[in-house]
Amino acid sequence: TDFNRFQDKIRQGNAQLFFFGWNADYPDPENLLFLLHGAQGKVRFNGQNAANYENPEYDALFERMKAMPDGPARQQIIDRMVAMLQHDAPWIFAFHPKAYSLQHGWVLNRKPGAMVRNTMQYQRLDVERREAARAEWNRPVLWPLALVACLLAAAIAPALIHWRRRETATAAPVSPLPAAASSSSVEGGER
């Protein structure tokens, strides 16, 4: 079925089995439970209840719950409504994704979730814990510098020792050549 025909089937209540999803607009059970409220029926009221589920007890509980402040009484009503939905099964509950996040212990008020994306404004940093962790993790590592210095010293030491020996060595005295030997060698060199 193409999408236009699918929408017509949903509006008329002629679809037997279909897949829908809902991303909550705000983190409150009302934003999900209203999807099965009778007054939201797709066929009669053109609402969001595509299953066209109607249960007078559920609808009455929904009307009471939606305006109540958070608390134990509201939670009891929500639990009763969820139990009714599980029993009546107007939907096949497919999946609900979980979100995971890794964070440092000094990042506070941060909880991953599928509904709210702009949580940065609520996050808080424990500056003292962060600074202590940074100081512990970022200690200077000096052994590579000592190793390089030792290797350089080992490479340069032989050259320095050789240079020092040459500079401090005493020159052997040069003995003068005898006069006769020097003239004969000169004459012999001319031949």
N, C-alpha and C. Protein backbone atom coordinates (compact mmCIF):
# COMPACT_ATOMS: atom_id res chain seq x y z
N THR A 1 0.85 -1.19 0.00
CA THR A 1 0.00 0.00 0.00
C THR A 1 0.88 1.24 0.00
N ASP A 2 0.54 2.20 -0.84
CA ASP A 2 1.28 3.46 -0.80
C ASP A 2 0.84 4.26 0.41
N PHE A 3 1.59 5.31 0.73
CA PHE A 3 1.36 6.02 1.99
C PHE A 3 -0.01 6.70 2.04
N ASN A 4 -0.46 7.27 0.92
CA ASN A 4 -1.78 7.92 0.91
C ASN A 4 -2.89 6.91 1.20
N ARG A 5 -2.80 5.74 0.58
CA ARG A 5 -3.80 4.70 0.82
C ARG A 5 -3.71 4.21 2.26
N PHE A 6 -2.50 4.07 2.78
CA PHE A 6 -2.31 3.67 4.18
C PHE A 6 -2.97 4.67 5.12
N GLN A 7 -2.77 5.96 4.88
CA GLN A 7 -3.40 6.98 5.73
C GLN A 7 -4.92 6.89 5.66
N ASP A 8 -5.47 6.66 4.48
CA ASP A 8 -6.92 6.51 4.34
C ASP A 8 -7.42 5.31 5.15
N LYS A 9 -6.69 4.20 5.08
CA LYS A 9 -7.09 3.01 5.85
C LYS A 9 -7.06 3.29 7.35
N ILE A 10 -6.05 4.01 7.81
CA ILE A 10 -5.95 4.33 9.24
C ILE A 10 -7.10 5.24 9.64
N ARG A 11 -7.37 6.28 8.84
CA ARG A 11 -8.46 7.23 9.17
C ARG A 11 -9.83 6.54 9.20
N GLN A 12 -10.01 5.54 8.35
CA GLN A 12 -11.30 4.84 8.27
C GLN A 12 -11.37 3.64 9.22
N GLY A 13 -10.24 3.28 9.82
CA GLY A 13 -10.22 2.14 10.73
C GLY A 13 -10.21 0.81 9.99
N ASN A 14 -9.71 0.78 8.76
CA ASN A 14 -9.70 -0.44 7.95
C ASN A 14 -8.36 -1.16 7.94
N ALA A 15 -7.43 -0.75 8.74
CA ALA A 15 -6.12 -1.41 8.78
C ALA A 15 -6.13 -2.48 9.86
N GLN A 16 -5.69 -3.67 9.51
CA GLN A 16 -5.68 -4.75 10.49
C GLN A 16 -4.42 -4.74 11.34
N LEU A 17 -3.29 -4.54 10.70
CA LEU A 17 -2.01 -4.56 11.40
C LEU A 17 -1.11 -3.51 10.78
N PHE A 18 -0.55 -2.66 11.60
CA PHE A 18 0.32 -1.59 11.09
C PHE A 18 1.35 -1.24 12.14
N PHE A 19 2.37 -0.56 11.71
CA PHE A 19 3.47 -0.19 12.60
C PHE A 19 3.49 1.33 12.74
N PHE A 20 3.39 1.79 13.96
CA PHE A 20 3.51 3.22 14.26
C PHE A 20 4.49 3.38 15.41
N GLY A 21 5.01 4.56 15.55
CA GLY A 21 5.87 4.88 16.68
C GLY A 21 5.56 6.28 17.16
N TRP A 22 6.06 6.59 18.34
CA TRP A 22 5.80 7.91 18.90
C TRP A 22 7.02 8.35 19.69
N ASN A 23 7.50 9.52 19.40
CA ASN A 23 8.55 10.13 20.22
C ASN A 23 7.88 11.13 21.14
N ALA A 24 8.04 10.93 22.41
CA ALA A 24 7.38 11.80 23.38
C ALA A 24 7.88 13.23 23.25
N ASP A 25 6.96 14.16 23.39
CA ASP A 25 7.30 15.58 23.30
C ASP A 25 7.89 16.10 24.60
N TYR A 26 7.50 15.50 25.70
CA TYR A 26 8.00 15.90 27.01
C TYR A 26 7.95 14.68 27.93
N PRO A 27 8.80 14.66 28.94
CA PRO A 27 8.92 13.45 29.78
C PRO A 27 7.83 13.33 30.83
N ASP A 28 6.64 12.95 30.39
CA ASP A 28 5.53 12.73 31.30
C ASP A 28 4.73 11.55 30.77
N PRO A 29 4.27 10.65 31.62
CA PRO A 29 3.48 9.51 31.15
C PRO A 29 2.24 9.92 30.35
N GLU A 30 1.68 11.07 30.66
CA GLU A 30 0.50 11.54 29.93
C GLU A 30 0.77 11.66 28.45
N ASN A 31 2.00 12.02 28.08
CA ASN A 31 2.35 12.22 26.68
C ASN A 31 2.37 10.91 25.89
N LEU A 32 2.39 9.79 26.57
CA LEU A 32 2.31 8.50 25.90
C LEU A 32 0.95 7.83 26.12
N LEU A 33 0.38 8.00 27.29
CA LEU A 33 -0.89 7.35 27.59
C LEU A 33 -2.06 7.97 26.84
N PHE A 34 -1.93 9.22 26.40
CA PHE A 34 -3.02 9.86 25.66
C PHE A 34 -3.22 9.19 24.29
N LEU A 35 -2.20 8.47 23.82
CA LEU A 35 -2.29 7.82 22.51
C LEU A 35 -3.36 6.73 22.48
N LEU A 36 -3.83 6.30 23.64
CA LEU A 36 -4.88 5.28 23.70
C LEU A 36 -6.13 5.79 24.41
N HIS A 37 -6.23 7.08 24.57
CA HIS A 37 -7.42 7.71 25.16
C HIS A 37 -8.54 7.67 24.13
N GLY A 38 -9.73 7.28 24.54
CA GLY A 38 -10.86 7.16 23.61
C GLY A 38 -11.17 8.44 22.86
N ALA A 39 -11.01 9.58 23.51
CA ALA A 39 -11.30 10.87 22.86
C ALA A 39 -10.27 11.23 21.80
N GLN A 40 -9.21 10.44 21.69
CA GLN A 40 -8.19 10.66 20.66
C GLN A 40 -8.35 9.67 19.51
N GLY A 41 -9.48 8.96 19.44
CA GLY A 41 -9.69 7.95 18.40
C GLY A 41 -9.54 8.53 17.00
N LYS A 42 -8.89 7.81 16.15
CA LYS A 42 -8.62 8.29 14.78
C LYS A 42 -9.91 8.34 13.96
N VAL A 43 -10.77 7.33 14.04
CA VAL A 43 -11.97 7.26 13.21
C VAL A 43 -13.00 8.29 13.65
N ARG A 44 -13.32 8.34 14.93
CA ARG A 44 -14.39 9.24 15.40
C ARG A 44 -13.94 10.67 15.60
N PHE A 45 -12.69 10.88 16.03
CA PHE A 45 -12.27 12.23 16.41
C PHE A 45 -11.06 12.74 15.62
N ASN A 46 -10.56 11.95 14.69
CA ASN A 46 -9.36 12.30 13.92
C ASN A 46 -8.19 12.65 14.85
N GLY A 47 -8.07 11.88 15.93
CA GLY A 47 -7.00 12.11 16.91
C GLY A 47 -5.80 11.22 16.66
N GLN A 48 -5.02 11.00 17.71
CA GLN A 48 -3.78 10.23 17.59
C GLN A 48 -3.94 8.75 17.96
N ASN A 49 -5.11 8.35 18.43
CA ASN A 49 -5.36 6.97 18.83
C ASN A 49 -5.66 6.13 17.58
N ALA A 50 -4.60 5.73 16.86
CA ALA A 50 -4.78 5.00 15.60
C ALA A 50 -5.35 3.60 15.83
N ALA A 51 -5.21 3.06 17.04
CA ALA A 51 -5.80 1.75 17.34
C ALA A 51 -7.29 1.87 17.63
N ASN A 52 -7.79 3.09 17.80
CA ASN A 52 -9.19 3.37 18.11
C ASN A 52 -9.63 2.62 19.37
N TYR A 53 -8.71 2.50 20.30
CA TYR A 53 -8.97 1.81 21.57
C TYR A 53 -9.89 2.67 22.42
N GLU A 54 -10.94 2.04 22.93
CA GLU A 54 -11.86 2.73 23.85
C GLU A 54 -12.15 1.81 25.02
N ASN A 55 -11.92 2.35 26.21
CA ASN A 55 -12.23 1.64 27.44
C ASN A 55 -12.68 2.71 28.43
N PRO A 56 -13.94 2.70 28.82
CA PRO A 56 -14.45 3.77 29.70
C PRO A 56 -13.66 3.92 31.00
N GLU A 57 -13.22 2.81 31.59
CA GLU A 57 -12.44 2.90 32.83
C GLU A 57 -11.09 3.57 32.57
N TYR A 58 -10.42 3.16 31.48
CA TYR A 58 -9.13 3.76 31.11
C TYR A 58 -9.31 5.26 30.85
N ASP A 59 -10.36 5.61 30.11
CA ASP A 59 -10.59 7.02 29.77
C ASP A 59 -10.84 7.86 31.03
N ALA A 60 -11.61 7.30 31.98
CA ALA A 60 -11.88 8.03 33.23
C ALA A 60 -10.59 8.21 34.03
N LEU A 61 -9.78 7.16 34.10
CA LEU A 61 -8.50 7.27 34.81
C LEU A 61 -7.58 8.28 34.12
N PHE A 62 -7.60 8.29 32.80
CA PHE A 62 -6.76 9.24 32.07
C PHE A 62 -7.18 10.67 32.39
N GLU A 63 -8.47 10.94 32.39
CA GLU A 63 -8.95 12.29 32.69
C GLU A 63 -8.55 12.73 34.10
N ARG A 64 -8.57 11.80 35.06
CA ARG A 64 -8.14 12.13 36.42
C ARG A 64 -6.63 12.36 36.47
N MET A 65 -5.87 11.50 35.81
CA MET A 65 -4.41 11.52 35.89
C MET A 65 -3.79 12.72 35.22
N LYS A 66 -4.32 13.16 34.08
CA LYS A 66 -3.62 14.14 33.27
C LYS A 66 -3.44 15.49 33.95
N ALA A 67 -4.31 15.83 34.89
CA ALA A 67 -4.19 17.12 35.57
C ALA A 67 -3.58 17.02 36.96
N MET A 68 -3.29 15.81 37.40
CA MET A 68 -2.75 15.62 38.76
C MET A 68 -1.27 15.97 38.81
N PRO A 69 -0.82 16.50 39.95
CA PRO A 69 0.63 16.68 40.11
C PRO A 69 1.30 15.33 40.35
N ASP A 70 2.59 15.27 40.07
CA ASP A 70 3.34 14.04 40.32
C ASP A 70 3.25 13.67 41.79
N GLY A 71 3.12 12.40 42.05
CA GLY A 71 3.05 11.92 43.43
C GLY A 71 2.58 10.48 43.45
N PRO A 72 2.48 9.90 44.64
CA PRO A 72 2.09 8.49 44.76
C PRO A 72 0.68 8.21 44.22
N ALA A 73 -0.26 9.12 44.42
CA ALA A 73 -1.63 8.89 43.94
C ALA A 73 -1.66 8.84 42.41
N ARG A 74 -0.95 9.75 41.77
CA ARG A 74 -0.89 9.77 40.31
C ARG A 74 -0.19 8.50 39.80
N GLN A 75 0.86 8.09 40.48
CA GLN A 75 1.59 6.89 40.05
C GLN A 75 0.71 5.65 40.14
N GLN A 76 -0.15 5.57 41.16
CA GLN A 76 -1.07 4.43 41.27
C GLN A 76 -2.03 4.38 40.09
N ILE A 77 -2.52 5.55 39.69
CA ILE A 77 -3.43 5.61 38.53
C ILE A 77 -2.70 5.18 37.27
N ILE A 78 -1.48 5.68 37.09
CA ILE A 78 -0.68 5.33 35.90
C ILE A 78 -0.43 3.82 35.88
N ASP A 79 -0.07 3.26 37.02
CA ASP A 79 0.18 1.81 37.09
C ASP A 79 -1.08 1.02 36.72
N ARG A 80 -2.24 1.47 37.18
CA ARG A 80 -3.51 0.81 36.85
C ARG A 80 -3.79 0.90 35.35
N MET A 81 -3.53 2.08 34.76
CA MET A 81 -3.76 2.26 33.32
C MET A 81 -2.84 1.35 32.50
N VAL A 82 -1.59 1.27 32.90
CA VAL A 82 -0.64 0.41 32.18
C VAL A 82 -1.05 -1.06 32.30
N ALA A 83 -1.51 -1.47 33.47
CA ALA A 83 -1.97 -2.85 33.65
C ALA A 83 -3.17 -3.13 32.74
N MET A 84 -4.07 -2.17 32.61
CA MET A 84 -5.22 -2.34 31.71
C MET A 84 -4.76 -2.50 30.26
N LEU A 85 -3.79 -1.69 29.86
CA LEU A 85 -3.28 -1.78 28.48
C LEU A 85 -2.58 -3.12 28.25
N GLN A 86 -1.86 -3.59 29.24
CA GLN A 86 -1.20 -4.89 29.10
C GLN A 86 -2.22 -6.02 28.99
N HIS A 87 -3.32 -5.88 29.71
CA HIS A 87 -4.37 -6.91 29.65
C HIS A 87 -5.14 -6.85 28.33
N ASP A 88 -5.57 -5.66 27.93
CA ASP A 88 -6.37 -5.50 26.71
C ASP A 88 -5.53 -5.61 25.44
N ALA A 89 -4.27 -5.26 25.52
CA ALA A 89 -3.31 -5.34 24.41
C ALA A 89 -3.82 -4.71 23.11
N PRO A 90 -4.16 -3.42 23.12
CA PRO A 90 -4.53 -2.77 21.86
C PRO A 90 -3.32 -2.58 20.94
N TRP A 91 -2.17 -2.67 21.50
CA TRP A 91 -0.91 -2.56 20.76
C TRP A 91 -0.08 -3.81 21.01
N ILE A 92 0.82 -4.09 20.08
CA ILE A 92 1.90 -5.04 20.33
C ILE A 92 3.10 -4.16 20.65
N PHE A 93 3.48 -4.15 21.89
CA PHE A 93 4.58 -3.27 22.30
C PHE A 93 5.88 -3.84 21.75
N ALA A 94 6.48 -3.13 20.82
CA ALA A 94 7.64 -3.65 20.10
C ALA A 94 8.93 -3.45 20.88
N PHE A 95 9.35 -2.25 21.04
CA PHE A 95 10.63 -2.01 21.70
C PHE A 95 10.66 -0.60 22.27
N HIS A 96 11.55 -0.44 23.19
CA HIS A 96 11.81 0.88 23.75
C HIS A 96 13.32 0.99 23.89
N PRO A 97 13.95 1.84 23.11
CA PRO A 97 15.42 1.90 23.14
C PRO A 97 15.95 2.45 24.45
N LYS A 98 17.13 2.00 24.80
CA LYS A 98 17.82 2.51 25.98
C LYS A 98 19.00 3.34 25.52
N ALA A 99 19.31 4.35 26.28
CA ALA A 99 20.44 5.21 25.95
C ALA A 99 21.50 5.04 27.03
N TYR A 100 22.75 4.91 26.60
CA TYR A 100 23.86 4.75 27.52
C TYR A 100 24.85 5.88 27.32
N SER A 101 25.55 6.19 28.37
CA SER A 101 26.53 7.27 28.29
C SER A 101 27.63 7.02 29.31
N LEU A 102 28.84 7.34 28.93
CA LEU A 102 29.96 7.31 29.87
C LEU A 102 30.27 8.74 30.27
N GLN A 103 30.54 8.94 31.53
CA GLN A 103 30.87 10.28 31.99
C GLN A 103 31.75 10.18 33.22
N HIS A 104 32.45 11.24 33.48
CA HIS A 104 33.30 11.31 34.66
C HIS A 104 32.43 11.49 35.91
N GLY A 105 32.98 11.11 37.04
CA GLY A 105 32.26 11.24 38.29
C GLY A 105 32.01 12.68 38.70
N TRP A 106 32.75 13.60 38.12
CA TRP A 106 32.58 15.01 38.48
C TRP A 106 31.55 15.72 37.60
N VAL A 107 30.92 14.99 36.66
CA VAL A 107 29.82 15.55 35.86
C VAL A 107 28.52 15.14 36.55
N LEU A 108 27.75 16.11 36.98
CA LEU A 108 26.54 15.85 37.75
C LEU A 108 25.30 16.28 36.96
N ASN A 109 24.14 15.77 37.36
CA ASN A 109 22.84 16.10 36.76
C ASN A 109 22.80 15.75 35.28
N ARG A 110 23.42 14.66 34.91
CA ARG A 110 23.41 14.24 33.51
C ARG A 110 22.88 12.83 33.44
N LYS A 111 21.79 12.68 32.71
CA LYS A 111 21.20 11.36 32.54
C LYS A 111 20.75 11.25 31.09
N PRO A 112 21.26 10.26 30.36
CA PRO A 112 20.85 10.14 28.96
C PRO A 112 19.39 9.72 28.86
N GLY A 113 18.74 10.17 27.83
CA GLY A 113 17.36 9.81 27.63
C GLY A 113 16.95 10.03 26.19
N ALA A 114 15.86 9.40 25.80
CA ALA A 114 15.41 9.50 24.42
C ALA A 114 14.52 10.71 24.19
N MET A 115 13.98 11.30 25.24
CA MET A 115 13.03 12.40 25.05
C MET A 115 13.67 13.77 25.01
N VAL A 116 14.60 14.00 25.90
CA VAL A 116 15.15 15.34 26.04
C VAL A 116 16.58 15.34 25.51
N ARG A 117 16.86 16.25 24.60
CA ARG A 117 18.19 16.32 23.99
C ARG A 117 18.99 17.52 24.51
N ASN A 118 18.33 18.54 25.00
CA ASN A 118 19.02 19.77 25.41
C ASN A 118 19.25 19.80 26.92
N THR A 119 19.96 18.81 27.43
CA THR A 119 20.16 18.71 28.87
C THR A 119 21.41 19.44 29.36
N MET A 120 22.16 20.03 28.45
CA MET A 120 23.41 20.69 28.83
C MET A 120 23.16 21.79 29.88
N GLN A 121 22.03 22.45 29.79
CA GLN A 121 21.74 23.54 30.72
C GLN A 121 21.56 23.06 32.16
N TYR A 122 21.28 21.77 32.34
CA TYR A 122 21.07 21.24 33.68
C TYR A 122 22.32 20.60 34.26
N GLN A 123 23.32 20.38 33.45
CA GLN A 123 24.53 19.71 33.93
C GLN A 123 25.35 20.63 34.82
N ARG A 124 26.05 20.00 35.74
CA ARG A 124 26.89 20.75 36.67
C ARG A 124 28.20 20.00 36.82
N LEU A 125 29.28 20.76 36.99
CA LEU A 125 30.60 20.16 37.19
C LEU A 125 31.05 20.40 38.62
N ASP A 126 31.56 19.36 39.25
CA ASP A 126 32.18 19.49 40.56
C ASP A 126 33.64 19.86 40.30
N VAL A 127 33.92 21.15 40.36
CA VAL A 127 35.23 21.67 39.95
C VAL A 127 36.35 21.11 40.81
N GLU A 128 36.13 20.95 42.12
CA GLU A 128 37.18 20.43 42.99
C GLU A 128 37.54 18.99 42.62
N ARG A 129 36.52 18.15 42.40
CA ARG A 129 36.78 16.76 42.02
C ARG A 129 37.45 16.68 40.65
N ARG A 130 37.04 17.55 39.74
CA ARG A 130 37.65 17.56 38.41
C ARG A 130 39.12 17.94 38.50
N GLU A 131 39.42 18.95 39.30
CA GLU A 131 40.81 19.40 39.43
C GLU A 131 41.67 18.32 40.08
N ALA A 132 41.13 17.64 41.09
CA ALA A 132 41.88 16.56 41.74
C ALA A 132 42.14 15.42 40.75
N ALA A 133 41.15 15.06 39.97
CA ALA A 133 41.34 14.00 38.97
C ALA A 133 42.33 14.43 37.90
N ARG A 134 42.24 15.66 37.46
CA ARG A 134 43.17 16.16 36.44
C ARG A 134 44.60 16.14 36.96
N ALA A 135 44.80 16.55 38.21
CA ALA A 135 46.14 16.55 38.79
C ALA A 135 46.68 15.12 38.92
N GLU A 136 45.80 14.18 39.26
CA GLU A 136 46.23 12.78 39.39
C GLU A 136 46.56 12.17 38.03
N TRP A 137 45.72 12.43 37.04
CA TRP A 137 45.89 11.81 35.72
C TRP A 137 47.00 12.46 34.91
N ASN A 138 47.28 13.73 35.15
CA ASN A 138 48.22 14.47 34.30
C ASN A 138 49.54 14.75 34.98
N ARG A 139 50.00 13.82 35.82
CA ARG A 139 51.33 13.99 36.42
C ARG A 139 52.37 13.95 35.31
N PRO A 140 53.42 14.79 35.43
CA PRO A 140 54.44 14.77 34.37
C PRO A 140 55.20 13.44 34.38
N VAL A 141 55.47 12.93 33.22
CA VAL A 141 56.22 11.69 33.06
C VAL A 141 57.64 12.08 32.67
N LEU A 142 58.57 11.91 33.60
CA LEU A 142 59.94 12.39 33.39
C LEU A 142 60.91 11.31 32.95
N TRP A 143 60.58 10.04 33.08
CA TRP A 143 61.55 9.01 32.76
C TRP A 143 61.98 9.03 31.29
N PRO A 144 61.12 9.41 30.33
CA PRO A 144 61.62 9.46 28.95
C PRO A 144 62.72 10.51 28.78
N LEU A 145 62.61 11.63 29.49
CA LEU A 145 63.65 12.66 29.40
C LEU A 145 64.97 12.14 29.97
N ALA A 146 64.91 11.43 31.09
CA ALA A 146 66.13 10.87 31.68
C ALA A 146 66.74 9.82 30.75
N LEU A 147 65.91 9.01 30.12
CA LEU A 147 66.41 8.00 29.18
C LEU A 147 67.10 8.65 27.99
N VAL A 148 66.49 9.69 27.43
CA VAL A 148 67.10 10.39 26.29
C VAL A 148 68.42 11.02 26.71
N ALA A 149 68.47 11.61 27.89
CA ALA A 149 69.72 12.22 28.37
C ALA A 149 70.81 11.16 28.53
N CYS A 150 70.47 9.99 29.07
CA CYS A 150 71.46 8.92 29.21
C CYS A 150 71.95 8.42 27.86
N LEU A 151 71.05 8.26 26.91
CA LEU A 151 71.44 7.81 25.57
C LEU A 151 72.33 8.83 24.88
N LEU A 152 72.00 10.12 25.02
CA LEU A 152 72.86 11.15 24.44
C LEU A 152 74.24 11.14 25.10
N ALA A 153 74.28 11.01 26.41
CA ALA A 153 75.56 10.96 27.11
C ALA A 153 76.38 9.76 26.66
N ALA A 154 75.73 8.61 26.48
CA ALA A 154 76.43 7.40 26.03
C ALA A 154 76.95 7.56 24.61
N ALA A 155 76.21 8.30 23.78
CA ALA A 155 76.64 8.49 22.39
C ALA A 155 77.76 9.52 22.29
N ILE A 156 77.73 10.54 23.13
CA ILE A 156 78.72 11.63 23.05
C ILE A 156 79.98 11.30 23.85
N ALA A 157 79.88 10.47 24.87
CA ALA A 157 81.02 10.18 25.75
C ALA A 157 82.26 9.70 25.01
N PRO A 158 82.18 8.75 24.08
CA PRO A 158 83.41 8.32 23.39
C PRO A 158 84.08 9.45 22.61
N ALA A 159 83.30 10.28 21.98
CA ALA A 159 83.88 11.41 21.23
C ALA A 159 84.56 12.39 22.18
N LEU A 160 83.96 12.66 23.32
CA LEU A 160 84.56 13.58 24.30
C LEU A 160 85.84 12.99 24.88
N ILE A 161 85.81 11.70 25.17
CA ILE A 161 87.01 11.05 25.71
C ILE A 161 88.15 11.12 24.70
N HIS A 162 87.88 10.85 23.45
CA HIS A 162 88.90 10.91 22.41
C HIS A 162 89.43 12.34 22.25
N TRP A 163 88.55 13.29 22.22
CA TRP A 163 88.97 14.70 22.07
C TRP A 163 89.83 15.12 23.26
N ARG A 164 89.40 14.74 24.46
CA ARG A 164 90.14 15.11 25.68
C ARG A 164 91.54 14.49 25.66
N ARG A 165 91.67 13.25 25.26
CA ARG A 165 92.98 12.59 25.20
C ARG A 165 93.90 13.30 24.20
N ARG A 166 93.34 13.71 23.10
CA ARG A 166 94.15 14.40 22.09
C ARG A 166 94.64 15.74 22.60
N GLU A 167 93.75 16.42 23.31
CA GLU A 167 94.11 17.75 23.81
C GLU A 167 95.15 17.68 24.94
N THR A 168 95.10 16.67 25.73
CA THR A 168 96.00 16.59 26.88
C THR A 168 97.25 15.75 26.61
N ALA A 169 97.31 15.10 25.48
CA ALA A 169 98.49 14.26 25.18
C ALA A 169 99.71 15.16 24.96
N THR A 170 100.86 14.68 25.41
CA THR A 170 102.10 15.43 25.18
C THR A 170 102.68 15.00 23.85
N ALA A 171 103.15 15.93 23.15
CA ALA A 171 103.72 15.63 21.84
C ALA A 171 105.08 14.97 22.03
N ALA A 172 105.41 14.01 21.20
CA ALA A 172 106.73 13.35 21.25
C ALA A 172 107.77 14.35 20.76
N PRO A 173 108.92 14.42 21.44
CA PRO A 173 109.94 15.37 20.98
C PRO A 173 110.46 14.96 19.61
N VAL A 174 110.64 15.92 18.78
CA VAL A 174 111.17 15.68 17.44
C VAL A 174 112.68 15.77 17.53
N SER A 175 113.34 14.69 17.17
CA SER A 175 114.81 14.72 17.22
C SER A 175 115.33 15.29 15.90
N PRO A 176 116.34 16.13 15.98
CA PRO A 176 116.89 16.69 14.75
C PRO A 176 117.61 15.62 13.97
N LEU A 177 117.52 15.67 12.68
CA LEU A 177 118.18 14.71 11.82
C LEU A 177 119.67 15.04 11.75
N PRO A 178 120.52 14.05 11.68
CA PRO A 178 121.95 14.34 11.51
C PRO A 178 122.17 15.01 10.15
N ALA A 179 123.17 15.86 10.06
CA ALA A 179 123.44 16.65 8.86
C ALA A 179 123.81 15.78 7.68
N ALA A 180 124.63 14.78 7.84
CA ALA A 180 125.06 13.93 6.73
C ALA A 180 123.89 13.13 6.20
N ALA A 181 123.06 12.68 7.09
CA ALA A 181 121.94 11.87 6.66
C ALA A 181 120.95 12.72 5.89
N SER A 182 120.83 13.95 6.29
CA SER A 182 119.87 14.78 5.61
C SER A 182 120.36 15.17 4.23
N SER A 183 121.71 15.38 4.03
CA SER A 183 122.21 15.77 2.71
C SER A 183 122.19 14.59 1.77
N SER A 184 122.48 13.39 2.27
CA SER A 184 122.48 12.24 1.38
C SER A 184 121.06 11.90 0.95
N SER A 185 120.16 12.10 1.84
CA SER A 185 118.80 11.79 1.44
C SER A 185 118.30 12.80 0.44
N VAL A 186 118.83 14.02 0.55
CA VAL A 186 118.43 15.03 -0.42
C VAL A 186 119.03 14.69 -1.76
N GLU A 187 120.35 14.31 -1.74
CA GLU A 187 120.98 13.96 -3.00
C GLU A 187 120.33 12.72 -3.59
N GLY A 188 120.03 11.77 -2.74
CA GLY A 188 119.42 10.55 -3.24
C GLY A 188 118.04 10.83 -3.81
N GLY A 189 117.45 11.83 -3.31
CA GLY A 189 116.12 12.15 -3.79
C GLY A 189 116.16 12.78 -5.15
N GLU A 190 117.34 13.36 -5.50
CA GLU A 190 117.40 14.02 -6.79
C GLU A 190 117.66 13.04 -7.90
N ARG A 191 118.22 11.97 -7.61
CA ARG A 191 118.53 11.03 -8.67
C ARG A 191 117.34 10.52 -9.26
